[in-house]
Protein backbone atom coordinates (compact mmCIF):
# COMPACT_ATOMS: atom_id res chain seq x y z
CA UNK A 1 104.45 36.63 27.69
CA UNK A 2 104.25 34.12 24.84
CA UNK A 3 106.44 31.70 22.96
CA UNK A 4 106.47 33.61 19.67
CA UNK A 5 110.24 34.07 19.75
CA UNK A 6 110.97 30.51 20.82
CA UNK A 7 112.29 28.62 17.79
CA UNK A 8 112.08 25.32 19.66
CA UNK A 9 108.32 25.51 20.17
CA UNK A 10 106.25 22.82 18.41
CA UNK A 11 103.36 24.78 16.88
CA UNK A 12 99.99 23.07 16.96
CA UNK A 13 101.02 20.68 19.72
CA UNK A 14 100.55 20.92 23.46
CA UNK A 15 103.44 18.81 24.74
CA UNK A 16 106.86 20.00 23.63
CA UNK A 17 108.71 16.82 24.59
CA UNK A 18 108.36 13.04 24.54
CA UNK A 19 108.90 12.02 28.15
CA UNK A 20 110.50 8.68 28.99
CA UNK A 21 108.09 5.79 29.43
CA UNK A 22 108.85 4.18 32.79
CA UNK A 23 107.57 0.84 31.50
CA UNK A 24 110.23 0.63 28.78
CA UNK A 25 113.87 -0.37 29.28
CA UNK A 26 115.04 1.70 26.30
CA UNK A 27 114.38 5.32 25.50
CA UNK A 28 114.68 7.58 22.47
CA UNK A 29 117.72 9.88 22.48
CA UNK A 30 119.07 12.41 20.02
CA UNK A 31 122.39 10.73 19.21
CA UNK A 32 123.72 13.33 16.78
CA UNK A 33 123.59 16.98 17.72
CA UNK A 34 123.89 17.87 14.06
CA UNK A 35 120.32 16.64 13.69
CA UNK A 36 120.51 13.32 11.83
CA UNK A 37 117.75 11.94 14.04
CA UNK A 38 115.51 14.98 13.81
CA UNK A 39 112.92 13.48 11.42
CA UNK A 40 112.11 10.88 14.09
CA UNK A 41 111.47 13.60 16.67
CA UNK A 42 109.68 16.05 14.41
CA UNK A 43 107.47 13.81 12.29
CA UNK A 44 104.19 15.28 13.48
CA UNK A 45 101.80 13.19 11.36
CA UNK A 46 99.09 11.53 13.41
CA UNK A 47 99.06 7.72 13.33
CA UNK A 48 96.15 5.41 14.16
CA UNK A 49 96.60 2.09 15.96
CA UNK A 50 93.84 -0.52 16.20
CA UNK A 51 93.03 -2.16 19.51
CA UNK A 52 90.75 -5.18 19.81
CA UNK A 53 89.67 -5.33 23.46
CA UNK A 54 87.45 -8.12 24.78
CA UNK A 55 85.36 -5.66 26.79
CA UNK A 56 84.70 -1.96 26.41
CA UNK A 57 83.11 -0.77 29.70
CA UNK A 58 85.63 0.13 32.42
CA UNK A 59 84.67 0.18 36.08
CA UNK A 60 86.37 2.74 38.33
CA UNK A 61 86.74 2.31 42.08
CA UNK A 62 87.79 5.93 42.61
CA UNK A 63 85.74 7.64 45.34
CA UNK A 64 86.40 10.98 43.57
CA UNK A 65 84.44 10.10 40.44
CA UNK A 66 80.65 10.34 40.30
CA UNK A 67 80.45 7.89 37.39
CA UNK A 68 81.87 4.47 38.07
CA UNK A 69 81.44 3.10 34.53
CA UNK A 70 83.03 4.55 31.42
CA UNK A 71 83.86 3.83 27.77
CA UNK A 72 86.90 5.20 25.96
CA UNK A 73 86.55 4.59 22.21
CA UNK A 74 89.94 6.32 21.78
CA UNK A 75 93.19 6.38 23.76
CA UNK A 76 95.43 9.34 23.07
CA UNK A 77 93.95 12.61 21.83
CA UNK A 78 94.85 15.03 19.07
CA UNK A 79 93.48 17.97 21.08
CA UNK A 80 96.89 18.12 22.76
CA UNK A 81 95.70 19.63 26.05
CA UNK A 82 98.91 20.13 27.99
CA UNK A 83 97.43 19.28 31.40
CA UNK A 84 95.53 16.11 30.43
CA UNK A 85 95.73 13.45 33.14
CA UNK A 86 95.00 10.78 30.51
CA UNK A 87 98.50 11.24 29.07
CA UNK A 88 99.86 8.82 31.67
CA UNK A 89 97.68 5.96 30.38
CA UNK A 90 99.50 6.12 27.02
CA UNK A 91 102.56 4.65 28.71
CA UNK A 92 100.69 1.36 29.22
CA UNK A 93 100.62 1.02 25.43
CA UNK A 94 104.38 1.51 25.14
CA UNK A 95 104.15 5.16 24.05
CA UNK A 96 105.25 8.42 25.63
CA UNK A 97 102.81 10.60 27.55
CA UNK A 98 104.24 13.61 25.66
CA UNK A 99 104.02 14.13 21.90
CA UNK A 100 103.13 10.44 21.33
CA UNK A 101 99.86 11.00 23.21
CA UNK A 102 98.83 13.58 20.60
CA UNK A 103 100.20 11.80 17.52
CA UNK A 104 99.59 8.09 18.14
CA UNK A 105 95.86 7.50 18.61
CA UNK A 106 94.53 4.07 19.58
CA UNK A 107 91.05 3.34 18.21
CA UNK A 108 88.53 0.68 19.25
CA UNK A 109 86.26 0.18 16.24
CA UNK A 110 84.41 -2.75 17.83
CA UNK A 111 83.21 -0.61 20.77
CA UNK A 112 79.50 -0.52 19.73
CA UNK A 113 79.32 -4.31 19.34
CA UNK A 114 81.06 -4.81 22.69
CA UNK A 115 78.62 -2.42 24.37
CA UNK A 116 75.70 -4.39 22.95
CA UNK A 117 77.19 -7.58 24.39
CA UNK A 118 77.55 -5.79 27.74
CA UNK A 119 73.87 -4.78 27.78
CA UNK A 120 72.87 -8.35 26.90
CA UNK A 121 74.58 -9.85 29.93
CA UNK A 122 72.09 -11.96 31.87
CA UNK A 123 72.15 -9.99 35.13
CA UNK A 124 72.87 -6.50 33.77
CA UNK A 125 71.12 -3.68 35.63
CA UNK A 126 71.14 -0.25 33.94
CA UNK A 127 73.80 2.20 35.17
CA UNK A 128 74.97 5.54 33.81
CA UNK A 129 77.96 4.99 31.54
CA UNK A 130 80.31 7.87 30.76
CA UNK A 131 81.75 8.79 27.36
CA UNK A 132 84.66 9.21 27.98
CA UNK A 133 86.38 8.91 31.32
CA UNK A 134 89.76 9.45 29.74
CA UNK A 135 90.14 11.07 26.30
CA UNK A 136 87.57 13.05 24.32
CA UNK A 137 85.06 10.80 22.56
CA UNK A 138 84.50 13.63 20.04
CA UNK A 139 88.14 14.29 19.18
CA UNK A 140 88.85 15.11 15.49
CA UNK A 141 89.14 11.50 14.22
CA UNK A 142 85.56 10.78 15.40
CA UNK A 143 84.29 12.89 12.50
CA UNK A 144 85.55 10.16 10.17
CA UNK A 145 85.35 6.95 12.26
CA UNK A 146 81.96 7.55 13.95
CA UNK A 147 82.65 5.12 16.80
CA UNK A 148 81.00 7.41 19.36
CA UNK A 149 77.94 7.74 17.13
CA UNK A 150 77.76 3.95 16.93
CA UNK A 151 77.88 3.78 20.73
CA UNK A 152 75.06 6.34 21.06
CA UNK A 153 72.93 4.27 18.68
CA UNK A 154 73.33 1.32 21.07
CA UNK A 155 72.53 3.50 24.12
CA UNK A 156 69.32 4.63 22.40
CA UNK A 157 68.42 1.13 21.24
CA UNK A 158 68.64 -0.23 24.79
CA UNK A 159 67.52 3.04 26.39
CA UNK A 160 70.44 3.06 28.82
CA UNK A 161 71.54 6.37 30.44
CA UNK A 162 74.75 7.97 29.14
CA UNK A 163 76.87 10.92 30.31
CA UNK A 164 79.12 12.67 27.78
CA UNK A 165 82.02 15.04 28.37
CA UNK A 166 83.62 16.85 25.44
CA UNK A 167 85.15 20.10 24.26
CA UNK A 168 84.54 19.57 20.54
CA UNK A 169 81.69 20.68 18.29
CA UNK A 170 81.65 17.31 16.49
CA UNK A 171 78.97 16.43 19.06
CA UNK A 172 76.48 18.58 17.10
CA UNK A 173 76.58 15.99 14.30
CA UNK A 174 74.72 13.62 16.66
CA UNK A 175 71.91 15.98 17.69
CA UNK A 176 69.35 13.56 16.23
CA UNK A 177 70.30 10.72 18.62
CA UNK A 178 70.98 13.04 21.58
CA UNK A 179 67.54 14.64 21.21
CA UNK A 180 65.86 11.23 21.34
CA UNK A 181 67.87 10.27 24.43
CA UNK A 182 67.02 13.59 26.08
CA UNK A 183 63.26 13.06 25.57
CA UNK A 184 63.58 9.98 27.80
CA UNK A 185 65.94 11.66 30.35
CA UNK A 186 68.77 9.37 29.30
CA UNK A 187 71.59 11.85 28.59
CA UNK A 188 73.64 14.56 30.27
CA UNK A 189 76.34 16.48 28.37
CA UNK A 190 79.27 18.28 30.03
CA UNK A 191 81.22 20.81 27.96
CA UNK A 192 84.69 21.78 29.22
CA UNK A 193 85.76 25.41 29.06
CA UNK A 194 89.21 26.21 30.39
CA UNK A 195 89.55 29.84 29.33
CA UNK A 196 87.71 32.61 27.51
CA UNK A 197 91.10 34.13 26.63
CA UNK A 198 91.79 32.86 23.12
CA UNK A 199 95.57 33.27 23.36
CA UNK A 200 95.69 31.22 26.55
CA UNK A 201 93.24 28.62 25.22
CA UNK A 202 95.34 28.12 22.10
CA UNK A 203 98.49 27.45 24.13
CA UNK A 204 96.76 25.18 26.66
CA UNK A 205 94.68 23.24 24.14
CA UNK A 206 96.14 23.80 20.67
CA UNK A 207 93.79 21.61 18.62
CA UNK A 208 90.46 22.26 20.32
CA UNK A 209 87.72 24.62 19.21
CA UNK A 210 87.56 28.12 20.68
CA UNK A 211 85.68 29.03 23.83
CA UNK A 212 83.11 30.90 21.72
CA UNK A 213 82.74 27.71 19.66
CA UNK A 214 82.05 25.73 22.84
CA UNK A 215 79.52 28.30 24.04
CA UNK A 216 77.79 27.89 20.66
CA UNK A 217 77.72 24.11 21.27
CA UNK A 218 76.13 24.68 24.69
CA UNK A 219 73.55 27.01 23.17
CA UNK A 220 72.61 24.59 20.40
CA UNK A 221 72.32 21.62 22.78
CA UNK A 222 70.23 23.68 25.20
CA UNK A 223 67.92 24.83 22.42
CA UNK A 224 67.34 21.14 21.61
CA UNK A 225 66.45 20.49 25.28
CA UNK A 226 69.57 18.41 25.85
CA UNK A 227 70.72 19.07 29.45
CA UNK A 228 74.21 20.59 29.63
CA UNK A 229 76.63 21.49 32.40
CA UNK A 230 79.86 23.42 32.04
CA UNK A 231 83.07 21.94 33.40
CA UNK A 232 85.43 24.77 34.41
CA UNK A 233 88.35 22.40 34.21
CA UNK A 234 91.06 22.30 34.99
CA UNK A 235 91.55 25.49 36.96
CA UNK A 236 95.25 26.38 36.88
CA UNK A 237 96.21 28.92 39.57
CA UNK A 238 97.95 31.93 38.05
CA UNK A 239 96.78 31.14 34.50
CA UNK A 240 92.99 30.85 34.33
CA UNK A 241 91.86 30.90 37.98
CA UNK A 242 90.67 34.51 37.74
CA UNK A 243 88.26 33.58 34.94
CA UNK A 244 86.03 31.20 36.92
CA UNK A 245 82.99 33.52 37.43
CA UNK A 246 83.17 34.82 33.86
CA UNK A 247 83.17 31.29 32.43
CA UNK A 248 80.17 30.31 34.56
CA UNK A 249 78.30 33.48 33.50
CA UNK A 250 79.02 32.94 29.80
CA UNK A 251 77.95 29.30 30.03
CA UNK A 252 74.82 30.22 32.01
CA UNK A 253 73.90 32.78 29.33
CA UNK A 254 74.26 29.98 26.76
CA UNK A 255 71.90 27.73 28.71
CA UNK A 256 73.82 25.40 31.06
CA UNK A 257 71.92 23.99 34.03
CA UNK A 258 74.91 23.18 36.23
CA UNK A 259 78.67 23.64 36.64
CA UNK A 260 81.58 21.59 37.93
CA UNK A 261 85.31 22.20 38.33
CA UNK A 262 88.63 20.53 39.08
CA UNK A 263 91.96 22.05 40.09
CA UNK A 264 94.84 20.91 37.91
CA UNK A 265 97.01 18.07 39.23
CA UNK A 266 100.22 17.06 37.52
CA UNK A 267 100.66 13.36 38.21
CA UNK A 268 103.24 11.03 36.69
CA UNK A 269 104.79 12.35 33.48
CA UNK A 270 102.40 15.32 33.35
CA UNK A 271 104.55 17.26 35.83
CA UNK A 272 107.56 17.13 33.48
CA UNK A 273 105.47 17.87 30.37
CA UNK A 274 103.63 20.79 32.00
CA UNK A 275 106.79 22.25 33.58
CA UNK A 276 108.63 22.15 30.23
CA UNK A 277 105.60 23.74 28.52
CA UNK A 278 104.95 26.53 31.03
CA UNK A 279 108.60 27.70 30.92
CA UNK A 280 108.37 27.87 27.11
CA UNK A 281 104.87 29.36 26.84
CA UNK A 282 104.91 31.72 29.85
CA UNK A 283 108.56 32.12 30.91
CA UNK A 284 107.88 35.18 33.10
CA UNK A 285 105.05 33.50 35.00
CA UNK A 286 106.24 29.90 35.02
CA UNK A 287 107.76 29.71 38.47
CA UNK A 288 104.82 31.47 40.11
CA UNK A 289 102.30 29.17 38.40
CA UNK A 290 104.17 26.02 39.44
CA UNK A 291 104.47 27.24 43.04
CA UNK A 292 100.75 28.02 43.17
CA UNK A 293 99.82 24.59 41.72
CA UNK A 294 102.07 22.91 44.32
CA UNK A 295 100.48 25.00 47.09
CA UNK A 296 97.12 23.40 46.21
CA UNK A 297 98.55 19.90 46.60
CA UNK A 298 100.48 19.87 49.85
CA UNK A 299 103.62 21.34 48.29
CA UNK A 300 103.85 18.83 45.40
CA UNK A 301 102.91 18.97 41.74
CA UNK A 302 101.75 15.35 42.04
CA UNK A 303 98.76 14.50 44.22
CA UNK A 304 97.15 11.06 44.36
CA UNK A 305 95.20 11.46 47.59
CA UNK A 306 91.52 10.57 47.41
CA UNK A 307 89.30 13.49 48.27
CA UNK A 308 91.83 16.28 47.68
CA UNK A 309 93.60 15.35 44.43
CA UNK A 310 90.95 16.96 42.18
CA UNK A 311 89.78 19.78 44.43
CA UNK A 312 93.05 20.83 46.09
CA UNK A 313 93.60 22.24 49.57
CA UNK A 314 95.14 25.30 51.22
CA UNK A 315 94.48 29.02 50.83
CA UNK A 316 94.77 29.23 47.05
CA UNK A 317 92.48 26.24 46.52
CA UNK A 318 90.00 27.68 49.02
CA UNK A 319 89.86 31.02 47.18
CA UNK A 320 89.15 29.10 43.94
CA UNK A 321 86.37 27.15 45.68
CA UNK A 322 84.84 30.44 46.85
CA UNK A 323 85.01 31.99 43.37
CA UNK A 324 83.31 28.92 41.92
CA UNK A 325 80.62 28.90 44.60
CA UNK A 326 79.89 32.61 44.10
CA UNK A 327 79.67 32.14 40.32
CA UNK A 328 77.17 29.29 40.71
CA UNK A 329 75.08 31.17 43.26
CA UNK A 330 74.96 34.28 41.11
CA UNK A 331 74.44 32.78 37.65
CA UNK A 332 72.96 29.29 38.09
CA UNK A 333 70.51 29.78 40.96
CA UNK A 334 67.38 27.66 40.56
CA UNK A 335 68.81 25.48 37.78
CA UNK A 336 69.61 21.79 37.98
CA UNK A 337 70.19 18.80 35.72
CA UNK A 338 67.22 16.43 35.36
CA UNK A 339 67.39 13.00 36.99
CA UNK A 340 68.18 10.03 34.76
CA UNK A 341 65.28 7.67 34.09
CA UNK A 342 66.33 4.03 34.38
CA UNK A 343 62.82 2.67 33.82
CA UNK A 344 63.12 2.80 30.02
CA UNK A 345 65.92 0.21 29.80
CA UNK A 346 65.01 -2.48 27.28
CA UNK A 347 67.14 -5.55 27.96
CA UNK A 348 65.80 -7.67 25.13
CA UNK A 349 66.26 -5.09 22.38
CA UNK A 350 69.27 -6.83 20.96
CA UNK A 351 68.82 -10.52 21.79
CA UNK A 352 68.67 -11.19 18.09
CA UNK A 353 72.09 -9.67 17.66
CA UNK A 354 72.34 -7.29 14.79
CA UNK A 355 75.82 -6.59 13.53
CA UNK A 356 76.85 -3.03 12.70
């Protein structure tokens, strides 16, 4: 069932390969089979790269996404989730969507100052801004760099609504700011749980905290009156699809007010990375899993169609939808997330710019 006997498996990493970056003319190859180039391929130390963007808020025109504005203080993510759609964006920086995505992290230290500039624009009207639309704003390096905390300080200062999605307990460090935001109905938190099966979780998401750790995060946030939803995401047919009701129940018991889900889609380089991984991690089930994923996306692993790309279609997708609906009806009846309050926005809070 597992990869324990596979000597070629990179422990502690999700991706097992560095896929070719379609934007580059050259690619890395192993020239000498005797292994002279191996240090280049196996140097697993994480590296940080600084980016100095001119703006920090991204606007999405995707009809599939409820939040049209987002901030990504980091690109790349040490969590190493094998299925992560954000891997493809790493290619724009000249890196691979594979191991590079987990080992070469781009950081934007000036994000809080740029957000303050954004709020001080003359005609700015408050909108919900998401942390993060791409990679986890509470990934391990945040513990040290505190860029996300700096952003939350700006959100609180201007009293602008913020939505957070994470799977890391580093968020509990910021309970003081989150509690203040919650008192004004300015924050929603979504916590992702992919599996309650620790063996599966460890293979899918090698550097994330356990499911029980995430349920503890939900419980602590809920006890502090910070509204939380669970994201059962992504659902991978044949791997974690049978767990949907159990995840919703466990999250409901911990205090969530709502649930959401997506069905996995393997766009761009993710198809190659995921296929390589599933044959190494679950060789007996690999073909079945890939066929079931394709069956949810019109026969392809890739799916870029608005409306169906995140929810899937066909019989397998429909059975997942039904499981999710039943779980919500049974365990979350009568609960809902509070509405954001836009009336608190204070546009002049930072006219006399204070530097961080």
